[in-house]
Amino acid sequence: MIYKGGVYLVKTVNSGGVYGQTPSSSSSYWELVSSVSAMAINTLLADNAVLGAFHFSNNVFWSGDGGSSSSAAKLYMNSSTGEFRASNGTFTGTVNAKAGTFKDLYFENCFTKNRFLNITHLNRSSSDIDDPKYGDTYCSNSRLYSYQSDGWEDALELYTSSTNAISVYANPSYSKIIHMTGAKEGYTNKLILPSVSENNYGTEMTIVCRQYPSTRSITGTEGGLIVVDYANRGSIYTDERTLLLAVGNNGGVLNVVSTPQGWLITNCSHDGCSDSGVILKFKV
């Protein structure tokens, strides 16, 4: 505080505070400080302040290399949003992140969680499954939900959905292993692989379609299951643009990998299907 032209800071305080204690150079409660020290404290507490190579303004702290603008700063912190940006850094301990882009990384002793999806029912809500098992799914509006270790979670986007068949967008970042059977008799389920790009080259996926699962099978004669890429999601073709993985009671196992030429088949086997009933080629 300023008192009679002098700047005073609290030196000591007891349970009664400093109320009634008059500032003076001999007071045990107050300390007379220089104007330079007071200016430094005001700078620390002020908005739109500069301290060394750092700026402070509107709860934002950034390095001076960005000048008066925080957008180009190499170090940026926002106390309101919790956003933190840095052009370089070393981190130890636990890091929890849900999304991002990583390049030129080396991982040691790491485990990547790969969820399993069991799309063998056309359930319309979680209440349709009395005893959900890991990977079980149901459809609601435009989303497919999956039962995982932490309970039900939002899994994939649906292209179309009805009580007879579904078309679902595969997302390898969520699940690279999908068990999916055919639709109801007379209908066709569709699994749509994402567009390929340099961000997902080398991504492998496994699609298992056993029309007679050993447990939890669908009741009744099964329909078909086709696999297409994103560009051909709107139609069913009778050429290499559509891979027919399930016909009637017969299914198969498909392994694909994304390349600059498109999704390529690395392996395709069939459970009781004749080669004439399954298209082995896929659009590249």
C-alpha atoms as a PDB file:
ATOM      1  CA  MET A   1       0.000   0.000   0.000  1.00  0.00           C
ATOM      2  CA  ILE A   2       0.990   3.623  -0.416  1.00  0.00           C
ATOM      3  CA  TYR A   3       1.056   5.678   2.783  1.00  0.00           C
ATOM      4  CA  LYS A   4       2.351   9.255   3.077  1.00  0.00           C
ATOM      5  CA  GLY A   5       4.343   8.928  -0.147  1.00  0.00           C
ATOM      6  CA  GLY A   6       5.936   5.628   0.799  1.00  0.00           C
ATOM      7  CA  VAL A   7       5.255   2.146  -0.610  1.00  0.00           C
ATOM      8  CA  TYR A   8       4.763  -0.530   2.050  1.00  0.00           C
ATOM      9  CA  LEU A   9       4.471  -4.310   1.876  1.00  0.00           C
ATOM     10  CA  VAL A  10       3.209  -6.585   4.627  1.00  0.00           C
ATOM     11  CA  LYS A  11       6.188  -7.977   6.540  1.00  0.00           C
ATOM     12  CA  THR A  12       4.466 -10.246   9.056  1.00  0.00           C
ATOM     13  CA  VAL A  13       0.871 -11.041   9.869  1.00  0.00           C
ATOM     14  CA  ASN A  14      -0.787 -12.742  12.821  1.00  0.00           C
ATOM     15  CA  SER A  15      -4.279 -14.032  13.451  1.00  0.00           C
ATOM     16  CA  GLY A  16      -5.512 -10.477  13.832  1.00  0.00           C
ATOM     17  CA  GLY A  17      -4.086  -9.396  10.481  1.00  0.00           C
ATOM     18  CA  VAL A  18      -2.621  -5.921  10.053  1.00  0.00           C
ATOM     19  CA  TYR A  19      -5.825  -4.034  10.723  1.00  0.00           C
ATOM     20  CA  GLY A  20      -5.079  -0.928  12.795  1.00  0.00           C
ATOM     21  CA  GLN A  21      -1.323  -1.186  12.305  1.00  0.00           C
ATOM     22  CA  THR A  22      -0.049   2.087  10.861  1.00  0.00           C
ATOM     23  CA  PRO A  23       2.673   1.691   8.235  1.00  0.00           C
ATOM     24  CA  SER A  24       6.043   3.119   9.233  1.00  0.00           C
ATOM     25  CA  SER A  25       9.712   2.351   8.743  1.00  0.00           C
ATOM     26  CA  SER A  26       9.885   1.014  12.312  1.00  0.00           C
ATOM     27  CA  SER A  27       6.721  -1.105  12.168  1.00  0.00           C
ATOM     28  CA  SER A  28       7.091  -4.847  12.700  1.00  0.00           C
ATOM     29  CA  TYR A  29       4.107  -5.396  10.410  1.00  0.00           C
ATOM     30  CA  TRP A  30       5.065  -3.261   7.440  1.00  0.00           C
ATOM     31  CA  GLU A  31       8.190  -2.923   5.351  1.00  0.00           C
ATOM     32  CA  LEU A  32       9.083   0.176   3.377  1.00  0.00           C
ATOM     33  CA  VAL A  33      10.185  -0.765  -0.133  1.00  0.00           C
ATOM     34  CA  SER A  34      11.679   1.152  -2.999  1.00  0.00           C
ATOM     35  CA  SER A  35       9.591   2.291  -5.946  1.00  0.00           C
ATOM     36  CA  VAL A  36      11.597  -0.030  -8.209  1.00  0.00           C
ATOM     37  CA  SER A  37      10.570  -3.082  -6.177  1.00  0.00           C
ATOM     38  CA  ALA A  38       6.970  -1.923  -6.168  1.00  0.00           C
ATOM     39  CA  MET A  39       7.062  -1.479  -9.921  1.00  0.00           C
ATOM     40  CA  ALA A  40       8.333  -5.041 -10.369  1.00  0.00           C
ATOM     41  CA  ILE A  41       5.482  -6.389  -8.229  1.00  0.00           C
ATOM     42  CA  ASN A  42       2.924  -4.346 -10.147  1.00  0.00           C
ATOM     43  CA  THR A  43       4.351  -5.747 -13.369  1.00  0.00           C
ATOM     44  CA  LEU A  44       3.884  -9.306 -12.113  1.00  0.00           C
ATOM     45  CA  LEU A  45       0.293  -8.609 -11.121  1.00  0.00           C
ATOM     46  CA  ALA A  46      -0.605  -6.509 -14.141  1.00  0.00           C
ATOM     47  CA  ASP A  47      -2.380  -7.487 -17.354  1.00  0.00           C
ATOM     48  CA  ASN A  48      -0.722  -6.846 -20.736  1.00  0.00           C
ATOM     49  CA  ALA A  49       2.624  -7.139 -18.983  1.00  0.00           C
ATOM     50  CA  VAL A  50       6.089  -8.086 -20.215  1.00  0.00           C
ATOM     51  CA  LEU A  51       8.573  -9.861 -17.981  1.00  0.00           C
ATOM     52  CA  GLY A  52      11.877 -10.643 -19.599  1.00  0.00           C
ATOM     53  CA  ALA A  53      11.135 -12.671 -22.730  1.00  0.00           C
ATOM     54  CA  PHE A  54       7.556 -13.496 -21.728  1.00  0.00           C
ATOM     55  CA  HIS A  55       4.191 -11.793 -22.176  1.00  0.00           C
ATOM     56  CA  PHE A  56       1.043 -11.938 -20.012  1.00  0.00           C
ATOM     57  CA  SER A  57      -2.407 -10.901 -21.175  1.00  0.00           C
ATOM     58  CA  ASN A  58      -5.996 -12.111 -20.601  1.00  0.00           C
ATOM     59  CA  ASN A  59      -4.931 -15.267 -18.753  1.00  0.00           C
ATOM     60  CA  VAL A  60      -2.507 -16.110 -21.568  1.00  0.00           C
ATOM     61  CA  PHE A  61       1.245 -16.547 -21.121  1.00  0.00           C
ATOM     62  CA  TRP A  62       3.501 -16.779 -24.157  1.00  0.00           C
ATOM     63  CA  SER A  63       7.151 -16.463 -25.134  1.00  0.00           C
ATOM     64  CA  GLY A  64       8.428 -13.252 -26.643  1.00  0.00           C
ATOM     65  CA  ASP A  65       9.542 -14.833 -29.914  1.00  0.00           C
ATOM     66  CA  GLY A  66       5.935 -14.456 -31.007  1.00  0.00           C
ATOM     67  CA  GLY A  67       6.095 -10.707 -30.489  1.00  0.00           C
ATOM     68  CA  SER A  68       2.883  -9.095 -29.365  1.00  0.00           C
ATOM     69  CA  SER A  69       0.877 -11.970 -30.870  1.00  0.00           C
ATOM     70  CA  SER A  70       0.632 -15.262 -29.001  1.00  0.00           C
ATOM     71  CA  SER A  71      -0.315 -17.267 -32.119  1.00  0.00           C
ATOM     72  CA  ALA A  72       3.282 -17.540 -33.368  1.00  0.00           C
ATOM     73  CA  ALA A  73       4.917 -18.100 -29.981  1.00  0.00           C
ATOM     74  CA  LYS A  74       7.041 -21.209 -29.439  1.00  0.00           C
ATOM     75  CA  LEU A  75       5.659 -21.505 -25.898  1.00  0.00           C
ATOM     76  CA  TYR A  76       2.000 -20.782 -25.098  1.00  0.00           C
ATOM     77  CA  MET A  77      -0.217 -21.428 -22.075  1.00  0.00           C
ATOM     78  CA  ASN A  78      -3.839 -20.448 -21.474  1.00  0.00           C
ATOM     79  CA  SER A  79      -5.019 -20.670 -17.876  1.00  0.00           C
ATOM     80  CA  SER A  80      -8.694 -20.385 -18.864  1.00  0.00           C
ATOM     81  CA  THR A  81      -8.841 -23.169 -21.463  1.00  0.00           C
ATOM     82  CA  GLY A  82      -5.909 -25.281 -20.281  1.00  0.00           C
ATOM     83  CA  GLU A  83      -4.365 -25.155 -23.751  1.00  0.00           C
ATOM     84  CA  PHE A  84      -0.609 -25.643 -23.883  1.00  0.00           C
ATOM     85  CA  ARG A  85       1.608 -25.378 -26.960  1.00  0.00           C
ATOM     86  CA  ALA A  86       5.344 -25.831 -27.292  1.00  0.00           C
ATOM     87  CA  SER A  87       7.625 -26.252 -30.290  1.00  0.00           C
ATOM     88  CA  ASN A  88       9.901 -28.614 -28.379  1.00  0.00           C
ATOM     89  CA  GLY A  89       9.774 -30.518 -25.126  1.00  0.00           C
ATOM     90  CA  THR A  90      10.668 -33.554 -23.067  1.00  0.00           C
ATOM     91  CA  PHE A  91       7.954 -35.211 -20.997  1.00  0.00           C
ATOM     92  CA  THR A  92       8.177 -37.875 -18.327  1.00  0.00           C
ATOM     93  CA  GLY A  93       5.454 -39.658 -16.411  1.00  0.00           C
ATOM     94  CA  THR A  94       1.972 -40.386 -17.721  1.00  0.00           C
ATOM     95  CA  VAL A  95       0.495 -38.677 -20.778  1.00  0.00           C
ATOM     96  CA  ASN A  96      -3.206 -39.156 -21.575  1.00  0.00           C
ATOM     97  CA  ALA A  97      -4.311 -38.114 -25.062  1.00  0.00           C
ATOM     98  CA  LYS A  98      -7.377 -39.014 -27.143  1.00  0.00           C
ATOM     99  CA  ALA A  99      -6.276 -37.749 -30.545  1.00  0.00           C
ATOM    100  CA  GLY A 100      -3.390 -36.241 -32.441  1.00  0.00           C
ATOM    101  CA  THR A 101      -0.821 -36.707 -35.175  1.00  0.00           C
ATOM    102  CA  PHE A 102       2.497 -38.377 -34.423  1.00  0.00           C
ATOM    103  CA  LYS A 103       5.422 -38.739 -36.828  1.00  0.00           C
ATOM    104  CA  ASP A 104       8.943 -40.169 -36.664  1.00  0.00           C
ATOM    105  CA  LEU A 105       8.435 -41.729 -33.246  1.00  0.00           C
ATOM    106  CA  TYR A 106      10.163 -44.597 -31.502  1.00  0.00           C
ATOM    107  CA  PHE A 107       8.101 -46.621 -29.032  1.00  0.00           C
ATOM    108  CA  GLU A 108       9.585 -49.022 -26.523  1.00  0.00           C
ATOM    109  CA  ASN A 109       7.640 -51.469 -24.359  1.00  0.00           C
ATOM    110  CA  CYS A 110       4.331 -50.043 -25.571  1.00  0.00           C
ATOM    111  CA  PHE A 111       0.922 -51.626 -25.971  1.00  0.00           C
ATOM    112  CA  THR A 112      -1.608 -50.224 -28.420  1.00  0.00           C
ATOM    113  CA  LYS A 113      -5.213 -50.862 -27.456  1.00  0.00           C
ATOM    114  CA  ASN A 114      -7.124 -52.402 -30.344  1.00  0.00           C
ATOM    115  CA  ARG A 115     -10.811 -52.810 -29.671  1.00  0.00           C
ATOM    116  CA  PHE A 116     -12.716 -55.809 -30.977  1.00  0.00           C
ATOM    117  CA  LEU A 117     -16.157 -55.244 -32.502  1.00  0.00           C
ATOM    118  CA  ASN A 118     -18.794 -57.940 -32.656  1.00  0.00           C
ATOM    119  CA  ILE A 119     -21.390 -56.626 -35.134  1.00  0.00           C
ATOM    120  CA  THR A 120     -23.579 -59.714 -35.244  1.00  0.00           C
ATOM    121  CA  HIS A 121     -26.866 -58.272 -34.053  1.00  0.00           C
ATOM    122  CA  LEU A 122     -29.123 -55.478 -35.216  1.00  0.00           C
ATOM    123  CA  ASN A 123     -29.829 -54.339 -31.689  1.00  0.00           C
ATOM    124  CA  ARG A 124     -31.473 -50.940 -31.388  1.00  0.00           C
ATOM    125  CA  SER A 125     -30.466 -50.134 -27.797  1.00  0.00           C
ATOM    126  CA  SER A 126     -28.307 -51.468 -24.976  1.00  0.00           C
ATOM    127  CA  SER A 127     -31.444 -52.815 -23.299  1.00  0.00           C
ATOM    128  CA  ASP A 128     -31.768 -55.326 -26.162  1.00  0.00           C
ATOM    129  CA  ILE A 129     -28.714 -57.156 -24.769  1.00  0.00           C
ATOM    130  CA  ASP A 130     -29.354 -58.700 -21.360  1.00  0.00           C
ATOM    131  CA  ASP A 131     -25.786 -59.857 -20.793  1.00  0.00           C
ATOM    132  CA  PRO A 132     -23.417 -57.840 -23.011  1.00  0.00           C
ATOM    133  CA  LYS A 133     -20.061 -59.357 -23.845  1.00  0.00           C
ATOM    134  CA  TYR A 134     -16.878 -57.546 -24.844  1.00  0.00           C
ATOM    135  CA  GLY A 135     -17.313 -56.119 -28.346  1.00  0.00           C
ATOM    136  CA  ASP A 136     -21.108 -56.411 -28.547  1.00  0.00           C
ATOM    137  CA  THR A 137     -22.810 -53.581 -30.406  1.00  0.00           C
ATOM    138  CA  TYR A 138     -26.100 -51.812 -30.919  1.00  0.00           C
ATOM    139  CA  CYS A 139     -27.309 -49.056 -33.267  1.00  0.00           C
ATOM    140  CA  SER A 140     -28.839 -45.764 -32.206  1.00  0.00           C
ATOM    141  CA  ASN A 141     -29.614 -42.977 -34.665  1.00  0.00           C
ATOM    142  CA  SER A 142     -26.453 -42.563 -36.790  1.00  0.00           C
ATOM    143  CA  ARG A 143     -24.006 -44.213 -34.373  1.00  0.00           C
ATOM    144  CA  LEU A 144     -22.840 -47.714 -33.515  1.00  0.00           C
ATOM    145  CA  TYR A 145     -22.103 -48.291 -29.823  1.00  0.00           C
ATOM    146  CA  SER A 146     -19.820 -50.994 -28.496  1.00  0.00           C
ATOM    147  CA  TYR A 147     -19.442 -52.686 -25.126  1.00  0.00           C
ATOM    148  CA  GLN A 148     -15.807 -52.415 -24.041  1.00  0.00           C
ATOM    149  CA  SER A 149     -13.867 -52.851 -20.799  1.00  0.00           C
ATOM    150  CA  ASP A 150     -15.191 -49.554 -19.442  1.00  0.00           C
ATOM    151  CA  GLY A 151     -18.786 -50.164 -20.511  1.00  0.00           C
ATOM    152  CA  TRP A 152     -20.745 -48.878 -23.497  1.00  0.00           C
ATOM    153  CA  GLU A 153     -18.985 -46.327 -25.690  1.00  0.00           C
ATOM    154  CA  ASP A 154     -19.515 -44.520 -28.978  1.00  0.00           C
ATOM    155  CA  ALA A 155     -17.710 -46.618 -31.592  1.00  0.00           C
ATOM    156  CA  LEU A 156     -18.458 -45.981 -35.271  1.00  0.00           C
ATOM    157  CA  GLU A 157     -20.568 -43.877 -37.586  1.00  0.00           C
ATOM    158  CA  LEU A 158     -23.420 -45.495 -39.503  1.00  0.00           C
ATOM    159  CA  TYR A 159     -24.055 -44.767 -43.167  1.00  0.00           C
ATOM    160  CA  THR A 160     -27.511 -46.353 -43.083  1.00  0.00           C
ATOM    161  CA  SER A 161     -29.371 -48.349 -40.465  1.00  0.00           C
ATOM    162  CA  SER A 162     -32.610 -50.303 -40.267  1.00  0.00           C
ATOM    163  CA  THR A 163     -34.002 -53.337 -38.469  1.00  0.00           C
ATOM    164  CA  ASN A 164     -32.944 -55.465 -41.471  1.00  0.00           C
ATOM    165  CA  ALA A 165     -29.437 -54.281 -42.368  1.00  0.00           C
ATOM    166  CA  ILE A 166     -26.789 -51.685 -41.596  1.00  0.00           C
ATOM    167  CA  SER A 167     -24.005 -49.926 -43.448  1.00  0.00           C
ATOM    168  CA  VAL A 168     -21.193 -48.892 -41.111  1.00  0.00           C
ATOM    169  CA  TYR A 169     -17.987 -46.897 -41.593  1.00  0.00           C
ATOM    170  CA  ALA A 170     -14.910 -48.805 -40.432  1.00  0.00           C
ATOM    171  CA  ASN A 171     -12.443 -46.787 -38.367  1.00  0.00           C
ATOM    172  CA  PRO A 172      -9.069 -48.535 -37.953  1.00  0.00           C
ATOM    173  CA  SER A 173      -8.004 -46.059 -35.275  1.00  0.00           C
ATOM    174  CA  TYR A 174     -10.837 -47.431 -33.144  1.00  0.00           C
ATOM    175  CA  SER A 175     -10.855 -51.087 -34.165  1.00  0.00           C
ATOM    176  CA  LYS A 176      -8.792 -53.100 -36.639  1.00  0.00           C
ATOM    177  CA  ILE A 177     -10.583 -56.393 -35.903  1.00  0.00           C
ATOM    178  CA  ILE A 178     -14.275 -56.626 -36.766  1.00  0.00           C
ATOM    179  CA  HIS A 179     -16.527 -59.657 -36.527  1.00  0.00           C
ATOM    180  CA  MET A 180     -19.539 -58.863 -38.682  1.00  0.00           C
ATOM    181  CA  THR A 181     -22.162 -61.204 -40.055  1.00  0.00           C
ATOM    182  CA  GLY A 182     -24.654 -60.828 -42.848  1.00  0.00           C
ATOM    183  CA  ALA A 183     -27.933 -58.985 -42.610  1.00  0.00           C
ATOM    184  CA  LYS A 184     -31.337 -60.551 -42.253  1.00  0.00           C
ATOM    185  CA  GLU A 185     -32.430 -62.880 -44.999  1.00  0.00           C
ATOM    186  CA  GLY A 186     -32.890 -61.005 -48.243  1.00  0.00           C
ATOM    187  CA  TYR A 187     -30.826 -57.993 -47.114  1.00  0.00           C
ATOM    188  CA  THR A 188     -27.146 -57.020 -47.176  1.00  0.00           C
ATOM    189  CA  ASN A 189     -24.909 -55.488 -44.535  1.00  0.00           C
ATOM    190  CA  LYS A 190     -22.143 -53.198 -45.730  1.00  0.00           C
ATOM    191  CA  LEU A 191     -18.748 -52.391 -44.184  1.00  0.00           C
ATOM    192  CA  ILE A 192     -17.201 -49.229 -45.630  1.00  0.00           C
ATOM    193  CA  LEU A 193     -13.423 -48.897 -45.460  1.00  0.00           C
ATOM    194  CA  PRO A 194     -12.054 -45.342 -45.071  1.00  0.00           C
ATOM    195  CA  SER A 195     -10.327 -43.414 -47.828  1.00  0.00           C
ATOM    196  CA  VAL A 196      -6.602 -44.111 -48.020  1.00  0.00           C
ATOM    197  CA  SER A 197      -4.027 -41.363 -47.593  1.00  0.00           C
ATOM    198  CA  GLU A 198      -0.459 -40.928 -46.421  1.00  0.00           C
ATOM    199  CA  ASN A 199      -1.858 -40.699 -42.887  1.00  0.00           C
ATOM    200  CA  ASN A 200      -3.007 -44.333 -42.936  1.00  0.00           C
ATOM    201  CA  TYR A 201      -0.791 -46.155 -45.463  1.00  0.00           C
ATOM    202  CA  GLY A 202       0.127 -49.576 -44.115  1.00  0.00           C
ATOM    203  CA  THR A 203      -2.970 -49.856 -41.922  1.00  0.00           C
ATOM    204  CA  GLU A 204      -4.119 -53.463 -41.679  1.00  0.00           C
ATOM    205  CA  MET A 205      -7.642 -54.643 -40.927  1.00  0.00           C
ATOM    206  CA  THR A 206      -9.186 -58.042 -40.329  1.00  0.00           C
ATOM    207  CA  ILE A 207     -12.868 -58.669 -41.043  1.00  0.00           C
ATOM    208  CA  VAL A 208     -14.261 -61.986 -39.871  1.00  0.00           C
ATOM    209  CA  CYS A 209     -17.639 -63.105 -41.157  1.00  0.00           C
ATOM    210  CA  ARG A 210     -18.599 -66.555 -39.920  1.00  0.00           C
ATOM    211  CA  GLN A 211     -22.245 -66.903 -40.709  1.00  0.00           C
ATOM    212  CA  TYR A 212     -22.624 -69.547 -38.017  1.00  0.00           C
ATOM    213  CA  PRO A 213     -20.767 -68.149 -34.984  1.00  0.00           C
ATOM    214  CA  SER A 214     -20.092 -70.801 -32.365  1.00  0.00           C
ATOM    215  CA  THR A 215     -21.979 -68.697 -29.831  1.00  0.00           C
ATOM    216  CA  ARG A 216     -24.518 -65.867 -29.885  1.00  0.00           C
ATOM    217  CA  SER A 217     -25.551 -66.550 -33.475  1.00  0.00           C
ATOM    218  CA  ILE A 218     -28.243 -64.606 -35.271  1.00  0.00           C
ATOM    219  CA  THR A 219     -31.535 -66.412 -35.541  1.00  0.00           C
ATOM    220  CA  GLY A 220     -32.672 -67.398 -38.993  1.00  0.00           C
ATOM    221  CA  THR A 221     -31.116 -67.662 -42.429  1.00  0.00           C
ATOM    222  CA  GLU A 222     -28.554 -64.964 -43.004  1.00  0.00           C
ATOM    223  CA  GLY A 223     -28.338 -62.358 -45.707  1.00  0.00           C
ATOM    224  CA  GLY A 224     -25.162 -60.995 -47.248  1.00  0.00           C
ATOM    225  CA  LEU A 225     -22.166 -58.898 -46.196  1.00  0.00           C
ATOM    226  CA  ILE A 226     -20.153 -56.785 -48.606  1.00  0.00           C
ATOM    227  CA  VAL A 227     -17.015 -54.703 -48.130  1.00  0.00           C
ATOM    228  CA  VAL A 228     -16.460 -51.543 -50.162  1.00  0.00           C
ATOM    229  CA  ASP A 229     -14.152 -48.552 -50.061  1.00  0.00           C
ATOM    230  CA  TYR A 230     -15.370 -45.068 -49.187  1.00  0.00           C
ATOM    231  CA  ALA A 231     -15.735 -43.881 -52.789  1.00  0.00           C
ATOM    232  CA  ASN A 232     -18.133 -46.744 -53.604  1.00  0.00           C
ATOM    233  CA  ARG A 233     -20.215 -46.685 -50.430  1.00  0.00           C
ATOM    234  CA  GLY A 234     -23.414 -45.636 -52.167  1.00  0.00           C
ATOM    235  CA  SER A 235     -23.846 -48.596 -54.530  1.00  0.00           C
ATOM    236  CA  ILE A 236     -23.372 -52.341 -54.824  1.00  0.00           C
ATOM    237  CA  TYR A 237     -21.444 -53.289 -57.943  1.00  0.00           C
ATOM    238  CA  THR A 238     -20.944 -56.699 -59.542  1.00  0.00           C
ATOM    239  CA  ASP A 239     -17.262 -56.097 -60.259  1.00  0.00           C
ATOM    240  CA  GLU A 240     -14.039 -55.491 -58.343  1.00  0.00           C
ATOM    241  CA  ARG A 241     -15.484 -52.412 -56.626  1.00  0.00           C
ATOM    242  CA  THR A 242     -17.474 -54.651 -54.271  1.00  0.00           C
ATOM    243  CA  LEU A 243     -16.104 -57.565 -52.275  1.00  0.00           C
ATOM    244  CA  LEU A 244     -18.759 -60.078 -51.354  1.00  0.00           C
ATOM    245  CA  LEU A 245     -17.707 -61.733 -48.098  1.00  0.00           C
ATOM    246  CA  ALA A 246     -20.902 -63.501 -47.063  1.00  0.00           C
ATOM    247  CA  VAL A 247     -23.628 -65.227 -49.071  1.00  0.00           C
ATOM    248  CA  GLY A 248     -26.490 -66.952 -47.294  1.00  0.00           C
ATOM    249  CA  ASN A 249     -25.065 -69.231 -44.626  1.00  0.00           C
ATOM    250  CA  ASN A 250     -21.486 -68.972 -45.882  1.00  0.00           C
ATOM    251  CA  GLY A 251     -18.887 -66.454 -44.724  1.00  0.00           C
ATOM    252  CA  GLY A 252     -15.162 -65.873 -44.691  1.00  0.00           C
ATOM    253  CA  VAL A 253     -12.137 -64.057 -43.323  1.00  0.00           C
ATOM    254  CA  LEU A 254     -10.664 -60.995 -45.021  1.00  0.00           C
ATOM    255  CA  ASN A 255      -7.334 -59.231 -44.423  1.00  0.00           C
ATOM    256  CA  VAL A 256      -6.685 -55.903 -46.143  1.00  0.00           C
ATOM    257  CA  VAL A 257      -3.967 -53.246 -46.023  1.00  0.00           C
ATOM    258  CA  SER A 258      -4.121 -49.606 -47.149  1.00  0.00           C
ATOM    259  CA  THR A 259      -1.651 -48.548 -49.854  1.00  0.00           C
ATOM    260  CA  PRO A 260      -1.262 -45.561 -52.194  1.00  0.00           C
ATOM    261  CA  GLN A 261      -3.119 -47.692 -54.774  1.00  0.00           C
ATOM    262  CA  GLY A 262      -6.067 -48.306 -52.439  1.00  0.00           C
ATOM    263  CA  TRP A 263      -7.052 -51.143 -50.105  1.00  0.00           C
ATOM    264  CA  LEU A 264      -5.339 -54.371 -51.146  1.00  0.00           C
ATOM    265  CA  ILE A 265      -6.279 -57.878 -50.094  1.00  0.00           C
ATOM    266  CA  THR A 266      -3.491 -59.757 -48.348  1.00  0.00           C
ATOM    267  CA  ASN A 267      -5.606 -62.807 -47.543  1.00  0.00           C
ATOM    268  CA  CYS A 268      -9.161 -63.949 -48.160  1.00  0.00           C
ATOM    269  CA  SER A 269     -10.494 -67.352 -47.146  1.00  0.00           C
ATOM    270  CA  HIS A 270     -14.020 -68.697 -47.086  1.00  0.00           C
ATOM    271  CA  ASP A 271     -16.072 -70.964 -44.902  1.00  0.00           C
ATOM    272  CA  GLY A 272     -17.968 -73.174 -47.302  1.00  0.00           C
ATOM    273  CA  CYS A 273     -18.227 -70.574 -50.053  1.00  0.00           C
ATOM    274  CA  SER A 274     -17.447 -71.525 -53.601  1.00  0.00           C
ATOM    275  CA  ASP A 275     -15.095 -69.211 -55.457  1.00  0.00           C
ATOM    276  CA  SER A 276     -17.906 -68.342 -57.830  1.00  0.00           C
ATOM    277  CA  GLY A 277     -19.865 -66.949 -54.902  1.00  0.00           C
ATOM    278  CA  VAL A 278     -17.145 -64.592 -53.710  1.00  0.00           C
ATOM    279  CA  ILE A 279     -15.372 -61.871 -55.636  1.00  0.00           C
ATOM    280  CA  LEU A 280     -11.674 -62.167 -54.789  1.00  0.00           C
ATOM    281  CA  LYS A 281     -10.605 -58.933 -56.443  1.00  0.00           C
ATOM    282  CA  PHE A 282     -10.966 -55.522 -54.870  1.00  0.00           C
ATOM    283  CA  LYS A 283     -10.751 -52.046 -56.335  1.00  0.00           C
ATOM    284  CA  VAL A 284      -7.209 -50.602 -56.302  1.00  0.00           C
END
